[in-house]
Amino acid sequence: MKNIIFLSFFLFLACNKEADKKNDLKDKQKLKLENILEKEDTNTEEYTQYKDNKFDFNDKQLYENLKKAIYEGDTLAYKSASKHYIINGRYKEFLYYAILMAEKNNYKEAYWDISSILASEQHELYASQYETYSLLKSYEMGDKGAKQSVKNIYTDKGKKIPKSSSIYCSK
């Protein structure tokens, strides 16, 4: 009888320790994410303009963020890299990475970035078709900026909103 009580007590302690470990792991992951978000909000040094308007394309942090964004689908890394390009006046040069992120990870903000970048470049031959596709794709995925643009372009003018696949269909 004593053995059963001892064994029950031991199993109870073991289960509690396992649950504590899982809770600790969840807490650590949550804390890590909060630290990343806090760092993102408070780290202005990362986004300051380079002296003499020289953009460092060999920036290791930028490279890591782009790599994480495209290969792992890390949206925080994508946003960080996007801010880096925008603040340094290199938004047009970010188009390549936005297209990769959108097509590889089906990310609505990347589609919105594509349409925004192409909207500023009206002189390219097929820019408007891919721009419209990206805008509609972003809209279909629920992006707030795209919703407002689609409202201005289509709804307010009484036009029917087309499907993105009717504009540009890649197979």
N, C-alpha and C. Protein backbone atom coordinates (compact mmCIF):
# COMPACT_ATOMS: atom_id res chain seq x y z
N MET A 1 0.81 -1.19 0.00
CA MET A 1 0.00 0.00 0.00
C MET A 1 0.86 1.26 0.00
N LYS A 2 1.94 1.23 0.81
CA LYS A 2 2.85 2.37 0.87
C LYS A 2 3.50 2.61 -0.49
N ASN A 3 3.80 1.51 -1.19
CA ASN A 3 4.43 1.62 -2.51
C ASN A 3 3.48 2.29 -3.51
N ILE A 4 2.20 1.96 -3.44
CA ILE A 4 1.23 2.55 -4.35
C ILE A 4 1.10 4.04 -4.09
N ILE A 5 1.03 4.43 -2.83
CA ILE A 5 0.93 5.85 -2.48
C ILE A 5 2.18 6.59 -2.92
N PHE A 6 3.35 5.99 -2.67
CA PHE A 6 4.61 6.61 -3.07
C PHE A 6 4.68 6.75 -4.59
N LEU A 7 4.28 5.69 -5.30
CA LEU A 7 4.31 5.70 -6.76
C LEU A 7 3.33 6.75 -7.32
N SER A 8 2.15 6.83 -6.73
CA SER A 8 1.17 7.83 -7.15
C SER A 8 1.69 9.25 -6.93
N PHE A 9 2.30 9.46 -5.77
CA PHE A 9 2.87 10.77 -5.45
C PHE A 9 3.98 11.13 -6.43
N PHE A 10 4.84 10.16 -6.75
CA PHE A 10 5.95 10.37 -7.69
C PHE A 10 5.43 10.71 -9.08
N LEU A 11 4.39 9.97 -9.56
CA LEU A 11 3.80 10.25 -10.88
C LEU A 11 3.16 11.63 -10.91
N PHE A 12 2.50 12.01 -9.80
CA PHE A 12 1.89 13.33 -9.71
C PHE A 12 2.95 14.42 -9.85
N LEU A 13 4.07 14.27 -9.16
CA LEU A 13 5.15 15.25 -9.25
C LEU A 13 5.75 15.28 -10.65
N ALA A 14 5.93 14.11 -11.26
CA ALA A 14 6.52 14.04 -12.60
C ALA A 14 5.61 14.74 -13.61
N CYS A 15 4.30 14.52 -13.50
CA CYS A 15 3.36 15.16 -14.42
C CYS A 15 3.36 16.67 -14.23
N ASN A 16 3.44 17.12 -12.99
CA ASN A 16 3.48 18.56 -12.73
C ASN A 16 4.74 19.19 -13.30
N LYS A 17 5.87 18.49 -13.18
CA LYS A 17 7.12 19.01 -13.72
C LYS A 17 7.04 19.11 -15.24
N GLU A 18 6.43 18.09 -15.89
CA GLU A 18 6.29 18.11 -17.34
C GLU A 18 5.40 19.27 -17.77
N ALA A 19 4.31 19.48 -17.06
CA ALA A 19 3.41 20.59 -17.37
C ALA A 19 4.11 21.92 -17.15
N ASP A 20 4.91 22.01 -16.09
CA ASP A 20 5.66 23.24 -15.83
C ASP A 20 6.66 23.51 -16.94
N LYS A 21 7.31 22.46 -17.45
CA LYS A 21 8.26 22.62 -18.54
C LYS A 21 7.57 23.15 -19.78
N LYS A 22 6.38 22.60 -20.10
CA LYS A 22 5.64 23.07 -21.27
C LYS A 22 5.21 24.52 -21.10
N ASN A 23 4.75 24.86 -19.90
CA ASN A 23 4.35 26.24 -19.63
C ASN A 23 5.54 27.19 -19.71
N ASP A 24 6.69 26.75 -19.17
CA ASP A 24 7.89 27.57 -19.24
C ASP A 24 8.30 27.80 -20.69
N LEU A 25 8.22 26.74 -21.52
CA LEU A 25 8.58 26.85 -22.92
C LEU A 25 7.65 27.83 -23.64
N LYS A 26 6.35 27.73 -23.37
CA LYS A 26 5.39 28.65 -23.98
C LYS A 26 5.66 30.08 -23.53
N ASP A 27 5.96 30.25 -22.24
CA ASP A 27 6.26 31.58 -21.72
C ASP A 27 7.52 32.16 -22.37
N LYS A 28 8.54 31.31 -22.53
CA LYS A 28 9.78 31.77 -23.15
C LYS A 28 9.53 32.18 -24.60
N GLN A 29 8.73 31.38 -25.33
CA GLN A 29 8.44 31.71 -26.72
C GLN A 29 7.64 33.01 -26.81
N LYS A 30 6.69 33.18 -25.91
CA LYS A 30 5.89 34.40 -25.89
C LYS A 30 6.75 35.61 -25.57
N LEU A 31 7.65 35.45 -24.59
CA LEU A 31 8.54 36.53 -24.21
C LEU A 31 9.48 36.89 -25.35
N LYS A 32 9.98 35.87 -26.05
CA LYS A 32 10.87 36.10 -27.19
C LYS A 32 10.16 36.89 -28.28
N LEU A 33 8.91 36.51 -28.58
CA LEU A 33 8.14 37.22 -29.58
C LEU A 33 7.87 38.66 -29.14
N GLU A 34 7.52 38.85 -27.86
CA GLU A 34 7.29 40.20 -27.35
C GLU A 34 8.55 41.04 -27.44
N ASN A 35 9.71 40.43 -27.14
CA ASN A 35 10.98 41.16 -27.23
C ASN A 35 11.27 41.57 -28.67
N ILE A 36 10.96 40.68 -29.61
CA ILE A 36 11.19 41.00 -31.02
C ILE A 36 10.30 42.16 -31.43
N LEU A 37 9.02 42.09 -31.04
CA LEU A 37 8.10 43.15 -31.41
C LEU A 37 8.48 44.47 -30.74
N GLU A 38 8.90 44.39 -29.48
CA GLU A 38 9.31 45.60 -28.77
C GLU A 38 10.54 46.20 -29.42
N LYS A 39 11.48 45.34 -29.78
CA LYS A 39 12.70 45.80 -30.43
C LYS A 39 12.36 46.45 -31.77
N GLU A 40 11.40 45.84 -32.47
CA GLU A 40 10.96 46.37 -33.76
C GLU A 40 10.39 47.78 -33.60
N ASP A 41 9.62 47.98 -32.53
CA ASP A 41 8.98 49.28 -32.32
C ASP A 41 9.95 50.34 -31.82
N THR A 42 10.96 49.95 -31.05
CA THR A 42 11.82 50.94 -30.43
C THR A 42 13.17 51.12 -31.12
N ASN A 43 13.53 50.22 -32.00
CA ASN A 43 14.84 50.29 -32.63
C ASN A 43 14.78 51.21 -33.85
N THR A 44 15.01 52.48 -33.63
CA THR A 44 15.00 53.42 -34.75
C THR A 44 16.35 53.48 -35.44
N GLU A 45 17.38 53.03 -34.76
CA GLU A 45 18.72 53.05 -35.35
C GLU A 45 18.76 52.20 -36.61
N GLU A 46 18.02 51.11 -36.61
CA GLU A 46 18.01 50.21 -37.75
C GLU A 46 17.45 50.89 -38.99
N TYR A 47 16.58 51.86 -38.81
CA TYR A 47 15.88 52.47 -39.92
C TYR A 47 16.35 53.88 -40.26
N THR A 48 17.42 54.31 -39.68
CA THR A 48 17.88 55.66 -39.99
C THR A 48 18.56 55.67 -41.35
N GLN A 49 18.50 56.81 -42.00
CA GLN A 49 19.12 56.92 -43.31
C GLN A 49 20.63 56.81 -43.20
N TYR A 50 21.22 56.22 -44.23
CA TYR A 50 22.66 56.14 -44.29
C TYR A 50 23.23 57.52 -44.60
N LYS A 51 24.42 57.76 -44.11
CA LYS A 51 25.08 59.02 -44.41
C LYS A 51 25.39 59.09 -45.90
N ASP A 52 25.31 60.25 -46.45
CA ASP A 52 25.59 60.50 -47.86
C ASP A 52 24.67 59.71 -48.79
N ASN A 53 23.51 59.29 -48.31
CA ASN A 53 22.53 58.53 -49.09
C ASN A 53 23.12 57.27 -49.73
N LYS A 54 24.11 56.69 -49.08
CA LYS A 54 24.69 55.44 -49.58
C LYS A 54 23.98 54.28 -48.90
N PHE A 55 23.40 53.42 -49.69
CA PHE A 55 22.64 52.28 -49.18
C PHE A 55 23.56 51.07 -49.13
N ASP A 56 23.64 50.43 -48.00
CA ASP A 56 24.52 49.27 -47.83
C ASP A 56 23.77 48.00 -48.20
N PHE A 57 23.97 47.54 -49.43
CA PHE A 57 23.31 46.32 -49.88
C PHE A 57 23.93 45.08 -49.25
N ASN A 58 25.06 45.22 -48.60
CA ASN A 58 25.73 44.10 -47.96
C ASN A 58 25.44 44.05 -46.46
N ASP A 59 24.45 44.78 -45.99
CA ASP A 59 24.05 44.80 -44.59
C ASP A 59 23.61 43.39 -44.18
N LYS A 60 24.31 42.82 -43.20
CA LYS A 60 24.04 41.44 -42.79
C LYS A 60 22.63 41.28 -42.21
N GLN A 61 22.19 42.25 -41.40
CA GLN A 61 20.86 42.17 -40.80
C GLN A 61 19.78 42.23 -41.88
N LEU A 62 19.96 43.09 -42.85
CA LEU A 62 19.02 43.20 -43.95
C LEU A 62 18.97 41.89 -44.74
N TYR A 63 20.13 41.35 -45.01
CA TYR A 63 20.23 40.08 -45.74
C TYR A 63 19.52 38.96 -44.97
N GLU A 64 19.74 38.89 -43.67
CA GLU A 64 19.09 37.86 -42.84
C GLU A 64 17.58 38.04 -42.83
N ASN A 65 17.12 39.28 -42.73
CA ASN A 65 15.68 39.53 -42.75
C ASN A 65 15.05 39.11 -44.08
N LEU A 66 15.71 39.43 -45.18
CA LEU A 66 15.18 39.03 -46.49
C LEU A 66 15.18 37.52 -46.64
N LYS A 67 16.22 36.89 -46.17
CA LYS A 67 16.34 35.44 -46.25
C LYS A 67 15.23 34.76 -45.43
N LYS A 68 15.03 35.24 -44.19
CA LYS A 68 13.96 34.68 -43.34
C LYS A 68 12.60 34.92 -43.96
N ALA A 69 12.40 36.10 -44.49
CA ALA A 69 11.10 36.45 -45.06
C ALA A 69 10.76 35.54 -46.24
N ILE A 70 11.68 35.41 -47.16
CA ILE A 70 11.38 34.68 -48.38
C ILE A 70 11.41 33.16 -48.18
N TYR A 71 12.41 32.65 -47.50
CA TYR A 71 12.54 31.20 -47.36
C TYR A 71 11.71 30.61 -46.23
N GLU A 72 11.45 31.40 -45.18
CA GLU A 72 10.71 30.88 -44.04
C GLU A 72 9.33 31.51 -43.89
N GLY A 73 9.02 32.51 -44.70
CA GLY A 73 7.73 33.17 -44.61
C GLY A 73 7.58 34.05 -43.39
N ASP A 74 8.69 34.55 -42.87
CA ASP A 74 8.68 35.39 -41.66
C ASP A 74 8.19 36.79 -42.01
N THR A 75 6.98 37.11 -41.58
CA THR A 75 6.37 38.39 -41.93
C THR A 75 7.01 39.56 -41.19
N LEU A 76 7.47 39.32 -39.97
CA LEU A 76 8.15 40.39 -39.23
C LEU A 76 9.46 40.78 -39.91
N ALA A 77 10.19 39.79 -40.38
CA ALA A 77 11.44 40.06 -41.10
C ALA A 77 11.15 40.80 -42.40
N TYR A 78 10.06 40.43 -43.08
CA TYR A 78 9.67 41.11 -44.32
C TYR A 78 9.38 42.59 -44.04
N LYS A 79 8.60 42.85 -43.00
CA LYS A 79 8.25 44.23 -42.66
C LYS A 79 9.49 45.04 -42.31
N SER A 80 10.42 44.42 -41.59
CA SER A 80 11.65 45.11 -41.21
C SER A 80 12.47 45.47 -42.45
N ALA A 81 12.61 44.52 -43.36
CA ALA A 81 13.37 44.78 -44.59
C ALA A 81 12.67 45.85 -45.43
N SER A 82 11.37 45.78 -45.51
CA SER A 82 10.60 46.78 -46.26
C SER A 82 10.83 48.18 -45.70
N LYS A 83 10.76 48.31 -44.38
CA LYS A 83 11.00 49.61 -43.74
C LYS A 83 12.41 50.11 -44.05
N HIS A 84 13.35 49.19 -44.04
CA HIS A 84 14.75 49.54 -44.31
C HIS A 84 14.87 50.17 -45.70
N TYR A 85 14.25 49.55 -46.69
CA TYR A 85 14.30 50.08 -48.05
C TYR A 85 13.54 51.39 -48.17
N ILE A 86 12.36 51.47 -47.55
CA ILE A 86 11.53 52.68 -47.66
C ILE A 86 12.23 53.88 -47.06
N ILE A 87 12.74 53.73 -45.86
CA ILE A 87 13.36 54.85 -45.16
C ILE A 87 14.60 55.36 -45.89
N ASN A 88 15.25 54.49 -46.60
CA ASN A 88 16.43 54.89 -47.34
C ASN A 88 16.13 55.24 -48.79
N GLY A 89 14.84 55.41 -49.11
CA GLY A 89 14.46 55.85 -50.45
C GLY A 89 14.71 54.82 -51.53
N ARG A 90 14.70 53.56 -51.19
CA ARG A 90 14.99 52.49 -52.15
C ARG A 90 13.78 51.57 -52.34
N TYR A 91 12.60 52.11 -52.23
CA TYR A 91 11.38 51.30 -52.28
C TYR A 91 11.24 50.59 -53.62
N LYS A 92 11.58 51.25 -54.72
CA LYS A 92 11.49 50.63 -56.04
C LYS A 92 12.38 49.39 -56.13
N GLU A 93 13.52 49.46 -55.47
CA GLU A 93 14.46 48.34 -55.51
C GLU A 93 13.98 47.17 -54.66
N PHE A 94 12.97 47.41 -53.85
CA PHE A 94 12.39 46.36 -53.01
C PHE A 94 11.39 45.51 -53.79
N LEU A 95 11.02 45.93 -54.98
CA LEU A 95 10.02 45.22 -55.78
C LEU A 95 10.37 43.75 -55.96
N TYR A 96 11.61 43.45 -56.26
CA TYR A 96 12.05 42.07 -56.47
C TYR A 96 11.71 41.20 -55.26
N TYR A 97 12.02 41.69 -54.07
CA TYR A 97 11.77 40.91 -52.86
C TYR A 97 10.28 40.81 -52.54
N ALA A 98 9.54 41.86 -52.87
CA ALA A 98 8.09 41.83 -52.66
C ALA A 98 7.45 40.76 -53.55
N ILE A 99 7.90 40.69 -54.80
CA ILE A 99 7.37 39.67 -55.72
C ILE A 99 7.71 38.28 -55.22
N LEU A 100 8.94 38.07 -54.78
CA LEU A 100 9.32 36.75 -54.24
C LEU A 100 8.47 36.39 -53.04
N MET A 101 8.31 37.32 -52.12
CA MET A 101 7.53 37.06 -50.91
C MET A 101 6.07 36.78 -51.25
N ALA A 102 5.51 37.54 -52.16
CA ALA A 102 4.10 37.36 -52.54
C ALA A 102 3.88 36.01 -53.21
N GLU A 103 4.69 35.71 -54.18
CA GLU A 103 4.49 34.48 -54.96
C GLU A 103 4.86 33.22 -54.18
N LYS A 104 5.92 33.28 -53.41
CA LYS A 104 6.37 32.10 -52.68
C LYS A 104 5.55 31.85 -51.42
N ASN A 105 5.16 32.92 -50.71
CA ASN A 105 4.49 32.77 -49.42
C ASN A 105 3.03 33.24 -49.42
N ASN A 106 2.55 33.71 -50.57
CA ASN A 106 1.17 34.16 -50.70
C ASN A 106 0.83 35.17 -49.60
N TYR A 107 1.66 36.19 -49.47
CA TYR A 107 1.55 37.18 -48.39
C TYR A 107 0.86 38.44 -48.90
N LYS A 108 -0.27 38.79 -48.28
CA LYS A 108 -1.10 39.90 -48.77
C LYS A 108 -0.39 41.24 -48.77
N GLU A 109 0.44 41.51 -47.76
CA GLU A 109 1.13 42.81 -47.72
C GLU A 109 2.18 42.91 -48.83
N ALA A 110 2.74 41.79 -49.22
CA ALA A 110 3.70 41.81 -50.32
C ALA A 110 2.98 42.14 -51.63
N TYR A 111 1.79 41.58 -51.82
CA TYR A 111 1.01 41.94 -53.01
C TYR A 111 0.67 43.43 -53.00
N TRP A 112 0.34 43.94 -51.82
CA TRP A 112 0.02 45.37 -51.70
C TRP A 112 1.26 46.20 -52.03
N ASP A 113 2.43 45.77 -51.54
CA ASP A 113 3.67 46.49 -51.84
C ASP A 113 3.95 46.51 -53.34
N ILE A 114 3.69 45.38 -54.00
CA ILE A 114 3.91 45.31 -55.45
C ILE A 114 3.03 46.33 -56.16
N SER A 115 1.76 46.36 -55.80
CA SER A 115 0.86 47.30 -56.47
C SER A 115 1.25 48.75 -56.17
N SER A 116 1.71 49.01 -54.97
CA SER A 116 2.13 50.38 -54.61
C SER A 116 3.37 50.80 -55.39
N ILE A 117 4.33 49.90 -55.48
CA ILE A 117 5.57 50.21 -56.20
C ILE A 117 5.28 50.41 -57.69
N LEU A 118 4.49 49.52 -58.27
CA LEU A 118 4.20 49.62 -59.70
C LEU A 118 3.31 50.83 -60.00
N ALA A 119 2.49 51.24 -59.07
CA ALA A 119 1.66 52.42 -59.28
C ALA A 119 2.52 53.67 -59.44
N SER A 120 3.68 53.67 -58.83
CA SER A 120 4.57 54.82 -58.95
C SER A 120 5.43 54.73 -60.22
N GLU A 121 5.35 53.62 -60.92
CA GLU A 121 6.14 53.39 -62.14
C GLU A 121 5.22 53.15 -63.33
N GLN A 122 4.44 54.11 -63.72
CA GLN A 122 3.45 53.94 -64.78
C GLN A 122 4.04 53.80 -66.18
N HIS A 123 5.30 54.12 -66.36
CA HIS A 123 5.86 54.12 -67.71
C HIS A 123 6.27 52.73 -68.20
N GLU A 124 6.27 51.72 -67.35
CA GLU A 124 6.66 50.38 -67.79
C GLU A 124 5.52 49.75 -68.58
N LEU A 125 5.86 48.89 -69.54
CA LEU A 125 4.91 48.37 -70.52
C LEU A 125 3.76 47.59 -69.88
N TYR A 126 4.04 46.59 -69.06
CA TYR A 126 2.99 45.76 -68.48
C TYR A 126 2.79 46.01 -66.98
N ALA A 127 3.30 47.08 -66.48
CA ALA A 127 3.21 47.36 -65.05
C ALA A 127 1.77 47.47 -64.59
N SER A 128 0.93 48.11 -65.37
CA SER A 128 -0.44 48.33 -64.91
C SER A 128 -1.22 47.02 -64.78
N GLN A 129 -0.97 46.05 -65.66
CA GLN A 129 -1.68 44.78 -65.57
C GLN A 129 -1.26 44.02 -64.31
N TYR A 130 0.02 43.92 -64.05
CA TYR A 130 0.48 43.22 -62.84
C TYR A 130 0.16 44.04 -61.59
N GLU A 131 0.17 45.33 -61.74
CA GLU A 131 -0.20 46.21 -60.61
C GLU A 131 -1.65 45.95 -60.22
N THR A 132 -2.53 45.90 -61.21
CA THR A 132 -3.95 45.65 -60.95
C THR A 132 -4.15 44.26 -60.36
N TYR A 133 -3.46 43.27 -60.92
CA TYR A 133 -3.54 41.91 -60.38
C TYR A 133 -3.11 41.89 -58.91
N SER A 134 -2.00 42.52 -58.60
CA SER A 134 -1.48 42.52 -57.23
C SER A 134 -2.43 43.24 -56.28
N LEU A 135 -3.00 44.34 -56.74
CA LEU A 135 -3.97 45.07 -55.93
C LEU A 135 -5.19 44.19 -55.63
N LEU A 136 -5.73 43.56 -56.66
CA LEU A 136 -6.91 42.71 -56.47
C LEU A 136 -6.60 41.48 -55.63
N LYS A 137 -5.44 40.92 -55.81
CA LYS A 137 -5.03 39.75 -55.02
C LYS A 137 -4.93 40.14 -53.54
N SER A 138 -4.33 41.27 -53.28
CA SER A 138 -4.21 41.78 -51.92
C SER A 138 -5.59 42.07 -51.34
N TYR A 139 -6.46 42.63 -52.15
CA TYR A 139 -7.83 42.92 -51.73
C TYR A 139 -8.56 41.62 -51.36
N GLU A 140 -8.43 40.62 -52.21
CA GLU A 140 -9.08 39.33 -51.97
C GLU A 140 -8.58 38.66 -50.69
N MET A 141 -7.33 38.97 -50.32
CA MET A 141 -6.76 38.39 -49.11
C MET A 141 -7.08 39.23 -47.87
N GLY A 142 -7.69 40.39 -48.06
CA GLY A 142 -8.15 41.19 -46.93
C GLY A 142 -7.24 42.31 -46.46
N ASP A 143 -6.31 42.75 -47.28
CA ASP A 143 -5.43 43.85 -46.88
C ASP A 143 -6.22 45.16 -46.80
N LYS A 144 -6.03 45.90 -45.71
CA LYS A 144 -6.79 47.14 -45.47
C LYS A 144 -6.52 48.21 -46.53
N GLY A 145 -5.26 48.41 -46.86
CA GLY A 145 -4.91 49.41 -47.86
C GLY A 145 -5.49 49.07 -49.22
N ALA A 146 -5.47 47.80 -49.56
CA ALA A 146 -6.02 47.36 -50.84
C ALA A 146 -7.54 47.54 -50.86
N LYS A 147 -8.18 47.27 -49.73
CA LYS A 147 -9.63 47.46 -49.65
C LYS A 147 -10.01 48.91 -49.94
N GLN A 148 -9.26 49.83 -49.36
CA GLN A 148 -9.53 51.25 -49.58
C GLN A 148 -9.28 51.64 -51.03
N SER A 149 -8.20 51.16 -51.61
CA SER A 149 -7.90 51.48 -53.00
C SER A 149 -8.95 50.91 -53.94
N VAL A 150 -9.36 49.68 -53.70
CA VAL A 150 -10.38 49.05 -54.55
C VAL A 150 -11.70 49.81 -54.42
N LYS A 151 -12.00 50.26 -53.21
CA LYS A 151 -13.21 51.06 -53.00
C LYS A 151 -13.14 52.34 -53.84
N ASN A 152 -11.99 53.01 -53.82
CA ASN A 152 -11.82 54.25 -54.59
C ASN A 152 -11.86 54.02 -56.10
N ILE A 153 -11.25 52.93 -56.54
CA ILE A 153 -11.13 52.67 -57.97
C ILE A 153 -12.41 52.07 -58.56
N TYR A 154 -13.04 51.15 -57.85
CA TYR A 154 -14.18 50.43 -58.41
C TYR A 154 -15.52 50.81 -57.76
N THR A 155 -15.65 50.59 -56.48
CA THR A 155 -16.94 50.74 -55.80
C THR A 155 -17.49 52.16 -55.89
N ASP A 156 -16.66 53.15 -55.60
CA ASP A 156 -17.11 54.54 -55.63
C ASP A 156 -17.52 55.00 -57.03
N LYS A 157 -16.99 54.35 -58.05
CA LYS A 157 -17.31 54.71 -59.43
C LYS A 157 -18.40 53.81 -60.03
N GLY A 158 -18.94 52.91 -59.18
CA GLY A 158 -20.02 52.03 -59.63
C GLY A 158 -19.55 50.90 -60.53
N LYS A 159 -18.27 50.60 -60.52
CA LYS A 159 -17.74 49.51 -61.35
C LYS A 159 -17.75 48.20 -60.57
N LYS A 160 -17.88 47.12 -61.30
CA LYS A 160 -17.83 45.79 -60.69
C LYS A 160 -16.36 45.44 -60.39
N ILE A 161 -16.13 44.86 -59.22
CA ILE A 161 -14.76 44.49 -58.83
C ILE A 161 -14.42 43.15 -59.48
N PRO A 162 -13.41 43.14 -60.36
CA PRO A 162 -13.04 41.87 -61.01
C PRO A 162 -12.24 40.96 -60.07
N LYS A 163 -12.17 39.71 -60.42
CA LYS A 163 -11.32 38.76 -59.70
C LYS A 163 -9.88 38.95 -60.19
N SER A 164 -8.92 38.71 -59.30
CA SER A 164 -7.51 38.87 -59.69
C SER A 164 -7.15 37.89 -60.81
N SER A 165 -7.75 36.71 -60.78
CA SER A 165 -7.43 35.70 -61.80
C SER A 165 -7.91 36.12 -63.20
N SER A 166 -8.87 37.04 -63.26
CA SER A 166 -9.34 37.51 -64.57
C SER A 166 -8.38 38.53 -65.17
N ILE A 167 -7.53 39.11 -64.34
CA ILE A 167 -6.58 40.12 -64.80
C ILE A 167 -5.26 39.48 -65.24
N TYR A 168 -4.80 38.59 -64.41
CA TYR A 168 -3.49 37.97 -64.66
C TYR A 168 -3.52 36.57 -64.10
N CYS A 169 -3.34 35.60 -64.93
CA CYS A 169 -3.42 34.22 -64.47
C CYS A 169 -2.12 33.51 -64.81
N SER A 170 -1.38 33.08 -63.79
CA SER A 170 -0.12 32.36 -64.02
C SER A 170 -0.34 30.89 -63.75
N LYS A 171 0.13 30.05 -64.66
CA LYS A 171 -0.04 28.59 -64.51
C LYS A 171 1.29 27.92 -64.41
